[in-house]
């Protein structure tokens, strides 16, 4: 069997994710007939059927599901290799930190300040992205380390938890529910999250099919919350740092706490990465130690 080509894998993944040859061709910027021929050639090369095709739908076979998982991993590795090689060849190396703006538990300034004094420290560069973008940035070689909310897609990554905190629901101050001091998820029925998913399904709710692209930053999200367009699940640290007259924050009894973690690629061997992880864990441990007496006095 001949070795698989990157082009074949990219074409296959596009079809497997779209489950529609026309949409996959548009996504790839090509005509449909050559895409279909490439997939048929790939099936002949492998000696298996990857897709079940009917006039109404396209479905992955068992063999196709296995190839999709491994093809994604292979393409991520190829992309990451190119990005890391370029970064390694830079004349001014930097430590790239991926995060979502304001999703740092309030720890980032302290972490950066302490890290700058470490002998292994490099100049830092912040790579800002949307919710959930950080693990992909690590796998794609666009970042060296990340601050990320758990649970996350941890394929190929190592991580250490930093802090765990409650999650509140942010809603318009004029929302009738804002008159209550405590809610449960069922109370949020009929309200949507920024992704378009129903709020009463919780933080793990999938994005609603056909929903418009969600707001990309907290400013946009809070503007929508104030108008009553959406509600938003915010870690307690985000709520403390973003008081707004038009937004009410309320605890939700059956909404799980969230954990902020620091993550890095499993194969990382950088002293600079190790130094940042070490500093971040130490800063977080100090924060937890200071918070314990407050928690005991609150629950006493």
C-alpha atoms as a PDB file:
ATOM      1  CA  UNK A   1       0.000   0.000   0.000  1.00  0.00           C
ATOM      2  CA  UNK A   2       1.359   3.454  -0.890  1.00  0.00           C
ATOM      3  CA  UNK A   3       1.793   5.992   1.883  1.00  0.00           C
ATOM      4  CA  UNK A   4      -1.150   8.283   2.467  1.00  0.00           C
ATOM      5  CA  UNK A   5      -0.783  11.889   1.363  1.00  0.00           C
ATOM      6  CA  UNK A   6      -1.614  14.914   3.473  1.00  0.00           C
ATOM      7  CA  UNK A   7      -3.938  16.115   0.706  1.00  0.00           C
ATOM      8  CA  UNK A   8      -5.920  12.872   0.874  1.00  0.00           C
ATOM      9  CA  UNK A   9      -6.316  13.144   4.618  1.00  0.00           C
ATOM     10  CA  UNK A  10      -7.453  16.777   4.435  1.00  0.00           C
ATOM     11  CA  UNK A  11     -10.049  15.919   1.807  1.00  0.00           C
ATOM     12  CA  UNK A  12     -11.252  12.907   3.786  1.00  0.00           C
ATOM     13  CA  UNK A  13     -11.596  14.886   7.041  1.00  0.00           C
ATOM     14  CA  UNK A  14     -13.595  17.613   5.290  1.00  0.00           C
ATOM     15  CA  UNK A  15     -16.078  15.081   3.908  1.00  0.00           C
ATOM     16  CA  UNK A  16     -16.222  13.181   7.205  1.00  0.00           C
ATOM     17  CA  UNK A  17     -16.997  16.336   9.174  1.00  0.00           C
ATOM     18  CA  UNK A  18     -19.503  17.761   6.706  1.00  0.00           C
ATOM     19  CA  UNK A  19     -21.045  14.408   5.706  1.00  0.00           C
ATOM     20  CA  UNK A  20     -21.866  16.094   2.428  1.00  0.00           C
ATOM     21  CA  UNK A  21     -19.620  16.164  -0.644  1.00  0.00           C
ATOM     22  CA  UNK A  22     -20.933  19.504  -1.889  1.00  0.00           C
ATOM     23  CA  UNK A  23     -20.357  21.297   1.422  1.00  0.00           C
ATOM     24  CA  UNK A  24     -16.950  19.666   1.810  1.00  0.00           C
ATOM     25  CA  UNK A  25     -15.921  20.799  -1.675  1.00  0.00           C
ATOM     26  CA  UNK A  26     -17.019  24.362  -0.911  1.00  0.00           C
ATOM     27  CA  UNK A  27     -15.085  24.277   2.353  1.00  0.00           C
ATOM     28  CA  UNK A  28     -11.966  23.129   0.495  1.00  0.00           C
ATOM     29  CA  UNK A  29     -12.449  25.666  -2.298  1.00  0.00           C
ATOM     30  CA  UNK A  30     -12.655  23.067  -5.062  1.00  0.00           C
ATOM     31  CA  UNK A  31     -15.170  21.412  -7.362  1.00  0.00           C
ATOM     32  CA  UNK A  32     -17.062  18.346  -6.168  1.00  0.00           C
ATOM     33  CA  UNK A  33     -16.066  15.810  -8.917  1.00  0.00           C
ATOM     34  CA  UNK A  34     -12.308  15.808  -8.149  1.00  0.00           C
ATOM     35  CA  UNK A  35     -13.095  15.549  -4.428  1.00  0.00           C
ATOM     36  CA  UNK A  36     -15.306  12.510  -5.041  1.00  0.00           C
ATOM     37  CA  UNK A  37     -12.591  10.918  -7.204  1.00  0.00           C
ATOM     38  CA  UNK A  38      -9.978  11.465  -4.496  1.00  0.00           C
ATOM     39  CA  UNK A  39     -12.158   9.762  -1.885  1.00  0.00           C
ATOM     40  CA  UNK A  40     -12.845   6.800  -4.206  1.00  0.00           C
ATOM     41  CA  UNK A  41      -9.111   6.503  -4.907  1.00  0.00           C
ATOM     42  CA  UNK A  42      -8.414   6.593  -1.173  1.00  0.00           C
ATOM     43  CA  UNK A  43     -10.910   3.795  -0.552  1.00  0.00           C
ATOM     44  CA  UNK A  44      -9.314   1.675  -3.267  1.00  0.00           C
ATOM     45  CA  UNK A  45      -5.868   2.378  -1.878  1.00  0.00           C
ATOM     46  CA  UNK A  46      -6.909   1.285   1.618  1.00  0.00           C
ATOM     47  CA  UNK A  47      -9.127  -1.562   0.440  1.00  0.00           C
ATOM     48  CA  UNK A  48     -12.047  -0.443   2.636  1.00  0.00           C
ATOM     49  CA  UNK A  49     -15.258   1.556   2.305  1.00  0.00           C
ATOM     50  CA  UNK A  50     -15.041   4.792   4.256  1.00  0.00           C
ATOM     51  CA  UNK A  51     -18.481   6.225   3.510  1.00  0.00           C
ATOM     52  CA  UNK A  52     -21.937   4.772   2.993  1.00  0.00           C
ATOM     53  CA  UNK A  53     -23.473   6.863   0.219  1.00  0.00           C
ATOM     54  CA  UNK A  54     -27.148   7.080  -0.651  1.00  0.00           C
ATOM     55  CA  UNK A  55     -29.111   9.652  -2.591  1.00  0.00           C
ATOM     56  CA  UNK A  56     -30.191  11.182   0.717  1.00  0.00           C
ATOM     57  CA  UNK A  57     -27.185  11.032   3.009  1.00  0.00           C
ATOM     58  CA  UNK A  58     -23.509  10.268   3.521  1.00  0.00           C
ATOM     59  CA  UNK A  59     -22.465   8.271   6.594  1.00  0.00           C
ATOM     60  CA  UNK A  60     -19.113   7.140   7.963  1.00  0.00           C
ATOM     61  CA  UNK A  61     -18.472   3.406   8.133  1.00  0.00           C
ATOM     62  CA  UNK A  62     -16.633   1.817  11.042  1.00  0.00           C
ATOM     63  CA  UNK A  63     -13.410   2.045   9.062  1.00  0.00           C
ATOM     64  CA  UNK A  64     -14.151   5.688   8.295  1.00  0.00           C
ATOM     65  CA  UNK A  65     -14.626   6.528  11.976  1.00  0.00           C
ATOM     66  CA  UNK A  66     -11.245   4.994  12.817  1.00  0.00           C
ATOM     67  CA  UNK A  67      -9.528   6.861   9.983  1.00  0.00           C
ATOM     68  CA  UNK A  68     -11.184  10.159  11.005  1.00  0.00           C
ATOM     69  CA  UNK A  69      -9.793   9.937  14.523  1.00  0.00           C
ATOM     70  CA  UNK A  70      -6.274   9.120  13.357  1.00  0.00           C
ATOM     71  CA  UNK A  71      -6.356  11.532  10.405  1.00  0.00           C
ATOM     72  CA  UNK A  72      -7.213  14.442  12.679  1.00  0.00           C
ATOM     73  CA  UNK A  73      -4.301  13.518  14.943  1.00  0.00           C
ATOM     74  CA  UNK A  74      -1.945  13.239  11.977  1.00  0.00           C
ATOM     75  CA  UNK A  75      -2.994  16.566  10.466  1.00  0.00           C
ATOM     76  CA  UNK A  76      -2.696  18.305  13.825  1.00  0.00           C
ATOM     77  CA  UNK A  77       0.823  16.881  14.212  1.00  0.00           C
ATOM     78  CA  UNK A  78       1.856  18.076  10.747  1.00  0.00           C
ATOM     79  CA  UNK A  79       0.477  21.563  11.348  1.00  0.00           C
ATOM     80  CA  UNK A  80       2.105  21.734  14.773  1.00  0.00           C
ATOM     81  CA  UNK A  81       5.472  20.601  13.397  1.00  0.00           C
ATOM     82  CA  UNK A  82       5.504  23.464  10.890  1.00  0.00           C
ATOM     83  CA  UNK A  83       4.470  26.087  13.469  1.00  0.00           C
ATOM     84  CA  UNK A  84       6.956  24.843  16.080  1.00  0.00           C
ATOM     85  CA  UNK A  85       9.802  24.740  13.578  1.00  0.00           C
ATOM     86  CA  UNK A  86       9.143  28.351  12.577  1.00  0.00           C
ATOM     87  CA  UNK A  87       8.922  29.376  16.220  1.00  0.00           C
ATOM     88  CA  UNK A  88      12.113  27.503  17.151  1.00  0.00           C
ATOM     89  CA  UNK A  89      13.963  29.217  14.308  1.00  0.00           C
ATOM     90  CA  UNK A  90      12.999  32.684  15.501  1.00  0.00           C
ATOM     91  CA  UNK A  91      15.859  35.014  16.390  1.00  0.00           C
ATOM     92  CA  UNK A  92      13.879  36.252  19.412  1.00  0.00           C
ATOM     93  CA  UNK A  93      12.267  33.216  21.135  1.00  0.00           C
ATOM     94  CA  UNK A  94       9.191  33.869  23.239  1.00  0.00           C
ATOM     95  CA  UNK A  95       6.906  31.840  25.477  1.00  0.00           C
ATOM     96  CA  UNK A  96       3.436  31.914  23.915  1.00  0.00           C
ATOM     97  CA  UNK A  97       0.568  31.690  26.417  1.00  0.00           C
ATOM     98  CA  UNK A  98      -2.912  30.915  25.070  1.00  0.00           C
ATOM     99  CA  UNK A  99      -5.945  32.052  27.030  1.00  0.00           C
ATOM    100  CA  UNK A 100      -9.422  33.512  26.775  1.00  0.00           C
ATOM    101  CA  UNK A 101      -9.403  37.148  27.811  1.00  0.00           C
ATOM    102  CA  UNK A 102     -10.469  37.520  31.470  1.00  0.00           C
ATOM    103  CA  UNK A 103     -10.537  33.734  31.990  1.00  0.00           C
ATOM    104  CA  UNK A 104      -7.490  33.525  34.227  1.00  0.00           C
ATOM    105  CA  UNK A 105      -9.029  33.436  37.687  1.00  0.00           C
ATOM    106  CA  UNK A 106      -7.345  36.777  38.366  1.00  0.00           C
ATOM    107  CA  UNK A 107      -4.003  34.947  38.534  1.00  0.00           C
ATOM    108  CA  UNK A 108      -2.298  36.061  35.332  1.00  0.00           C
ATOM    109  CA  UNK A 109      -0.671  39.321  36.544  1.00  0.00           C
ATOM    110  CA  UNK A 110       0.866  37.523  39.541  1.00  0.00           C
ATOM    111  CA  UNK A 111       1.976  34.582  37.420  1.00  0.00           C
ATOM    112  CA  UNK A 112       3.692  36.789  34.851  1.00  0.00           C
ATOM    113  CA  UNK A 113       5.352  38.913  37.522  1.00  0.00           C
ATOM    114  CA  UNK A 114       6.767  35.886  39.369  1.00  0.00           C
ATOM    115  CA  UNK A 115       7.723  34.129  36.135  1.00  0.00           C
ATOM    116  CA  UNK A 116       9.767  37.092  34.915  1.00  0.00           C
ATOM    117  CA  UNK A 117      12.144  36.571  37.868  1.00  0.00           C
ATOM    118  CA  UNK A 118      12.800  32.883  37.030  1.00  0.00           C
ATOM    119  CA  UNK A 119      16.213  32.154  35.455  1.00  0.00           C
ATOM    120  CA  UNK A 120      14.536  30.059  32.721  1.00  0.00           C
ATOM    121  CA  UNK A 121      12.021  32.748  31.782  1.00  0.00           C
ATOM    122  CA  UNK A 122      11.576  33.975  28.219  1.00  0.00           C
ATOM    123  CA  UNK A 123       9.691  37.087  27.087  1.00  0.00           C
ATOM    124  CA  UNK A 124       5.995  36.205  26.985  1.00  0.00           C
ATOM    125  CA  UNK A 125       3.387  36.650  24.269  1.00  0.00           C
ATOM    126  CA  UNK A 126      -0.336  36.321  25.010  1.00  0.00           C
ATOM    127  CA  UNK A 127      -2.341  34.403  22.383  1.00  0.00           C
ATOM    128  CA  UNK A 128      -5.985  35.389  22.872  1.00  0.00           C
ATOM    129  CA  UNK A 129      -8.776  33.189  21.573  1.00  0.00           C
ATOM    130  CA  UNK A 130     -12.370  32.168  22.139  1.00  0.00           C
ATOM    131  CA  UNK A 131     -13.758  29.672  24.622  1.00  0.00           C
ATOM    132  CA  UNK A 132     -12.232  26.243  23.952  1.00  0.00           C
ATOM    133  CA  UNK A 133      -9.640  27.480  21.422  1.00  0.00           C
ATOM    134  CA  UNK A 134      -6.665  27.007  23.739  1.00  0.00           C
ATOM    135  CA  UNK A 135      -6.190  23.200  23.535  1.00  0.00           C
ATOM    136  CA  UNK A 136      -6.192  23.402  19.727  1.00  0.00           C
ATOM    137  CA  UNK A 137      -3.627  26.221  19.842  1.00  0.00           C
ATOM    138  CA  UNK A 138      -1.346  23.932  21.854  1.00  0.00           C
ATOM    139  CA  UNK A 139      -1.824  20.961  19.525  1.00  0.00           C
ATOM    140  CA  UNK A 140      -1.341  23.149  16.431  1.00  0.00           C
ATOM    141  CA  UNK A 141       1.939  24.541  17.748  1.00  0.00           C
ATOM    142  CA  UNK A 142       0.569  28.093  17.966  1.00  0.00           C
ATOM    143  CA  UNK A 143       1.085  28.269  21.737  1.00  0.00           C
ATOM    144  CA  UNK A 144       3.486  26.712  24.239  1.00  0.00           C
ATOM    145  CA  UNK A 145       1.284  26.748  27.329  1.00  0.00           C
ATOM    146  CA  UNK A 146      -2.332  27.672  28.041  1.00  0.00           C
ATOM    147  CA  UNK A 147      -4.746  28.688  30.760  1.00  0.00           C
ATOM    148  CA  UNK A 148      -7.932  26.771  30.095  1.00  0.00           C
ATOM    149  CA  UNK A 149     -11.228  25.887  31.748  1.00  0.00           C
ATOM    150  CA  UNK A 150     -11.922  22.207  32.421  1.00  0.00           C
ATOM    151  CA  UNK A 151     -13.284  19.920  31.196  1.00  0.00           C
ATOM    152  CA  UNK A 152     -11.294  20.343  27.998  1.00  0.00           C
ATOM    153  CA  UNK A 153     -10.177  18.324  24.991  1.00  0.00           C
ATOM    154  CA  UNK A 154      -6.920  17.041  26.495  1.00  0.00           C
ATOM    155  CA  UNK A 155      -5.693  14.846  23.629  1.00  0.00           C
ATOM    156  CA  UNK A 156      -1.887  15.042  23.575  1.00  0.00           C
ATOM    157  CA  UNK A 157      -1.791  17.464  26.493  1.00  0.00           C
ATOM    158  CA  UNK A 158      -0.714  17.439  30.129  1.00  0.00           C
ATOM    159  CA  UNK A 159      -2.256  19.780  32.671  1.00  0.00           C
ATOM    160  CA  UNK A 160      -2.317  20.807  36.314  1.00  0.00           C
ATOM    161  CA  UNK A 161      -5.401  22.252  38.050  1.00  0.00           C
ATOM    162  CA  UNK A 162      -4.947  25.725  39.502  1.00  0.00           C
ATOM    163  CA  UNK A 163      -8.178  26.904  41.123  1.00  0.00           C
ATOM    164  CA  UNK A 164     -11.775  25.727  41.311  1.00  0.00           C
ATOM    165  CA  UNK A 165     -14.567  28.249  41.709  1.00  0.00           C
ATOM    166  CA  UNK A 166     -18.365  28.486  41.475  1.00  0.00           C
ATOM    167  CA  UNK A 167     -20.083  29.334  38.214  1.00  0.00           C
ATOM    168  CA  UNK A 168     -22.822  31.985  38.259  1.00  0.00           C
ATOM    169  CA  UNK A 169     -25.462  32.784  35.689  1.00  0.00           C
ATOM    170  CA  UNK A 170     -25.322  36.317  34.290  1.00  0.00           C
ATOM    171  CA  UNK A 171     -28.689  37.663  33.184  1.00  0.00           C
ATOM    172  CA  UNK A 172     -30.330  40.993  32.480  1.00  0.00           C
ATOM    173  CA  UNK A 173     -31.052  42.889  35.669  1.00  0.00           C
ATOM    174  CA  UNK A 174     -34.619  43.265  34.364  1.00  0.00           C
ATOM    175  CA  UNK A 175     -35.112  39.505  34.012  1.00  0.00           C
ATOM    176  CA  UNK A 176     -37.827  38.310  36.455  1.00  0.00           C
ATOM    177  CA  UNK A 177     -35.410  35.633  37.697  1.00  0.00           C
ATOM    178  CA  UNK A 178     -33.042  38.357  38.896  1.00  0.00           C
ATOM    179  CA  UNK A 179     -35.451  38.993  41.783  1.00  0.00           C
ATOM    180  CA  UNK A 180     -34.514  35.591  43.223  1.00  0.00           C
ATOM    181  CA  UNK A 181     -31.384  34.952  45.268  1.00  0.00           C
ATOM    182  CA  UNK A 182     -30.735  31.416  44.044  1.00  0.00           C
ATOM    183  CA  UNK A 183     -31.731  29.411  40.984  1.00  0.00           C
ATOM    184  CA  UNK A 184     -31.525  25.922  39.533  1.00  0.00           C
ATOM    185  CA  UNK A 185     -30.968  24.984  35.891  1.00  0.00           C
ATOM    186  CA  UNK A 186     -34.650  24.183  35.349  1.00  0.00           C
ATOM    187  CA  UNK A 187     -35.472  27.823  36.158  1.00  0.00           C
ATOM    188  CA  UNK A 188     -33.514  28.869  33.041  1.00  0.00           C
ATOM    189  CA  UNK A 189     -35.836  27.051  30.622  1.00  0.00           C
ATOM    190  CA  UNK A 190     -36.571  29.165  27.557  1.00  0.00           C
ATOM    191  CA  UNK A 191     -33.312  31.106  27.793  1.00  0.00           C
ATOM    192  CA  UNK A 192     -30.286  30.539  25.556  1.00  0.00           C
ATOM    193  CA  UNK A 193     -26.523  30.672  26.003  1.00  0.00           C
ATOM    194  CA  UNK A 194     -24.210  32.619  23.628  1.00  0.00           C
ATOM    195  CA  UNK A 195     -23.803  29.422  21.560  1.00  0.00           C
ATOM    196  CA  UNK A 196     -27.563  29.244  21.006  1.00  0.00           C
ATOM    197  CA  UNK A 197     -27.823  26.168  23.229  1.00  0.00           C
ATOM    198  CA  UNK A 198     -30.615  26.030  25.843  1.00  0.00           C
ATOM    199  CA  UNK A 199     -29.385  27.344  29.190  1.00  0.00           C
ATOM    200  CA  UNK A 200     -31.245  24.734  31.213  1.00  0.00           C
ATOM    201  CA  UNK A 201     -29.028  22.033  29.660  1.00  0.00           C
ATOM    202  CA  UNK A 202     -26.022  23.392  31.568  1.00  0.00           C
ATOM    203  CA  UNK A 203     -22.467  24.248  30.555  1.00  0.00           C
ATOM    204  CA  UNK A 204     -22.015  21.072  28.487  1.00  0.00           C
ATOM    205  CA  UNK A 205     -24.934  21.880  26.190  1.00  0.00           C
ATOM    206  CA  UNK A 206     -23.977  21.501  22.518  1.00  0.00           C
ATOM    207  CA  UNK A 207     -24.296  24.436  20.177  1.00  0.00           C
ATOM    208  CA  UNK A 208     -27.722  24.589  18.586  1.00  0.00           C
ATOM    209  CA  UNK A 209     -27.605  23.567  14.893  1.00  0.00           C
ATOM    210  CA  UNK A 210     -28.078  26.559  12.614  1.00  0.00           C
ATOM    211  CA  UNK A 211     -27.309  29.066  15.353  1.00  0.00           C
ATOM    212  CA  UNK A 212     -25.493  32.212  14.316  1.00  0.00           C
ATOM    213  CA  UNK A 213     -21.852  32.591  15.292  1.00  0.00           C
ATOM    214  CA  UNK A 214     -21.699  33.327  19.047  1.00  0.00           C
ATOM    215  CA  UNK A 215     -20.308  36.556  20.435  1.00  0.00           C
ATOM    216  CA  UNK A 216     -16.528  36.321  20.497  1.00  0.00           C
ATOM    217  CA  UNK A 217     -15.610  38.421  23.543  1.00  0.00           C
ATOM    218  CA  UNK A 218     -16.971  39.303  26.962  1.00  0.00           C
ATOM    219  CA  UNK A 219     -17.917  42.838  25.970  1.00  0.00           C
ATOM    220  CA  UNK A 220     -20.206  41.535  23.217  1.00  0.00           C
ATOM    221  CA  UNK A 221     -21.595  38.835  25.506  1.00  0.00           C
ATOM    222  CA  UNK A 222     -22.427  41.267  28.309  1.00  0.00           C
ATOM    223  CA  UNK A 223     -24.062  43.669  25.852  1.00  0.00           C
ATOM    224  CA  UNK A 224     -26.344  40.830  24.732  1.00  0.00           C
ATOM    225  CA  UNK A 225     -27.011  39.802  28.338  1.00  0.00           C
ATOM    226  CA  UNK A 226     -28.048  43.366  29.264  1.00  0.00           C
ATOM    227  CA  UNK A 227     -30.617  43.435  26.462  1.00  0.00           C
ATOM    228  CA  UNK A 228     -32.078  40.106  27.582  1.00  0.00           C
ATOM    229  CA  UNK A 229     -30.910  38.352  24.425  1.00  0.00           C
ATOM    230  CA  UNK A 230     -28.993  35.619  26.239  1.00  0.00           C
ATOM    231  CA  UNK A 231     -27.778  34.431  29.620  1.00  0.00           C
ATOM    232  CA  UNK A 232     -24.166  33.498  30.286  1.00  0.00           C
ATOM    233  CA  UNK A 233     -22.414  31.128  32.700  1.00  0.00           C
ATOM    234  CA  UNK A 234     -19.512  33.059  34.252  1.00  0.00           C
ATOM    235  CA  UNK A 235     -16.856  31.868  36.718  1.00  0.00           C
ATOM    236  CA  UNK A 236     -17.119  33.800  39.989  1.00  0.00           C
ATOM    237  CA  UNK A 237     -13.828  35.602  39.291  1.00  0.00           C
ATOM    238  CA  UNK A 238     -15.229  36.946  36.007  1.00  0.00           C
ATOM    239  CA  UNK A 239     -18.353  38.172  37.810  1.00  0.00           C
ATOM    240  CA  UNK A 240     -16.240  39.964  40.444  1.00  0.00           C
ATOM    241  CA  UNK A 241     -14.165  41.721  37.779  1.00  0.00           C
ATOM    242  CA  UNK A 242     -17.130  42.724  35.614  1.00  0.00           C
ATOM    243  CA  UNK A 243     -19.793  44.437  37.740  1.00  0.00           C
ATOM    244  CA  UNK A 244     -22.368  46.024  35.438  1.00  0.00           C
ATOM    245  CA  UNK A 245     -25.595  47.795  36.456  1.00  0.00           C
ATOM    246  CA  UNK A 246     -27.526  46.031  33.712  1.00  0.00           C
ATOM    247  CA  UNK A 247     -26.324  42.525  34.627  1.00  0.00           C
ATOM    248  CA  UNK A 248     -27.375  40.392  37.596  1.00  0.00           C
ATOM    249  CA  UNK A 249     -25.277  37.427  38.739  1.00  0.00           C
ATOM    250  CA  UNK A 250     -27.030  34.597  40.531  1.00  0.00           C
ATOM    251  CA  UNK A 251     -25.796  31.229  41.872  1.00  0.00           C
ATOM    252  CA  UNK A 252     -27.248  28.094  40.281  1.00  0.00           C
ATOM    253  CA  UNK A 253     -27.505  25.222  42.745  1.00  0.00           C
ATOM    254  CA  UNK A 254     -27.016  22.364  40.262  1.00  0.00           C
ATOM    255  CA  UNK A 255     -24.392  24.025  38.051  1.00  0.00           C
ATOM    256  CA  UNK A 256     -20.991  22.365  38.639  1.00  0.00           C
ATOM    257  CA  UNK A 257     -17.987  24.405  39.687  1.00  0.00           C
ATOM    258  CA  UNK A 258     -15.343  25.107  37.041  1.00  0.00           C
ATOM    259  CA  UNK A 259     -11.617  24.450  37.289  1.00  0.00           C
ATOM    260  CA  UNK A 260      -8.944  26.634  35.729  1.00  0.00           C
ATOM    261  CA  UNK A 261      -5.924  24.581  34.663  1.00  0.00           C
ATOM    262  CA  UNK A 262      -2.576  25.213  33.056  1.00  0.00           C
ATOM    263  CA  UNK A 263      -1.927  22.924  30.080  1.00  0.00           C
ATOM    264  CA  UNK A 264       0.984  22.165  27.755  1.00  0.00           C
ATOM    265  CA  UNK A 265       1.865  19.580  25.063  1.00  0.00           C
ATOM    266  CA  UNK A 266       2.857  16.179  26.464  1.00  0.00           C
ATOM    267  CA  UNK A 267       6.091  16.185  24.484  1.00  0.00           C
ATOM    268  CA  UNK A 268       7.176  19.655  25.670  1.00  0.00           C
ATOM    269  CA  UNK A 269      10.772  19.745  26.931  1.00  0.00           C
ATOM    270  CA  UNK A 270      11.140  23.493  27.328  1.00  0.00           C
ATOM    271  CA  UNK A 271      12.648  24.839  30.577  1.00  0.00           C
ATOM    272  CA  UNK A 272      10.612  27.996  30.007  1.00  0.00           C
ATOM    273  CA  UNK A 273       7.351  26.008  29.932  1.00  0.00           C
ATOM    274  CA  UNK A 274       8.357  24.078  33.039  1.00  0.00           C
ATOM    275  CA  UNK A 275       9.155  27.333  34.821  1.00  0.00           C
ATOM    276  CA  UNK A 276       5.780  28.888  34.002  1.00  0.00           C
ATOM    277  CA  UNK A 277       3.913  25.767  35.125  1.00  0.00           C
ATOM    278  CA  UNK A 278       5.882  25.699  38.378  1.00  0.00           C
ATOM    279  CA  UNK A 279       5.216  29.396  39.070  1.00  0.00           C
ATOM    280  CA  UNK A 280       1.502  29.134  38.177  1.00  0.00           C
ATOM    281  CA  UNK A 281       0.981  26.182  40.515  1.00  0.00           C
ATOM    282  CA  UNK A 282       2.755  28.011  43.353  1.00  0.00           C
ATOM    283  CA  UNK A 283       0.669  31.183  42.872  1.00  0.00           C
ATOM    284  CA  UNK A 284      -2.550  29.139  42.774  1.00  0.00           C
ATOM    285  CA  UNK A 285      -1.580  27.222  45.933  1.00  0.00           C
ATOM    286  CA  UNK A 286      -1.057  30.530  47.756  1.00  0.00           C
ATOM    287  CA  UNK A 287      -4.466  31.748  46.563  1.00  0.00           C
ATOM    288  CA  UNK A 288      -6.146  28.553  47.800  1.00  0.00           C
ATOM    289  CA  UNK A 289      -4.438  28.813  51.204  1.00  0.00           C
ATOM    290  CA  UNK A 290      -5.655  32.394  51.660  1.00  0.00           C
ATOM    291  CA  UNK A 291      -9.190  31.471  50.581  1.00  0.00           C
ATOM    292  CA  UNK A 292      -9.617  28.612  53.080  1.00  0.00           C
ATOM    293  CA  UNK A 293     -10.098  30.795  56.203  1.00  0.00           C
ATOM    294  CA  UNK A 294     -12.675  32.889  54.340  1.00  0.00           C
ATOM    295  CA  UNK A 295     -14.583  29.758  53.324  1.00  0.00           C
ATOM    296  CA  UNK A 296     -14.546  28.440  56.902  1.00  0.00           C
ATOM    297  CA  UNK A 297     -15.847  31.744  58.271  1.00  0.00           C
ATOM    298  CA  UNK A 298     -18.568  31.842  55.605  1.00  0.00           C
ATOM    299  CA  UNK A 299     -19.796  28.304  56.365  1.00  0.00           C
ATOM    300  CA  UNK A 300     -19.460  28.575  60.153  1.00  0.00           C
END
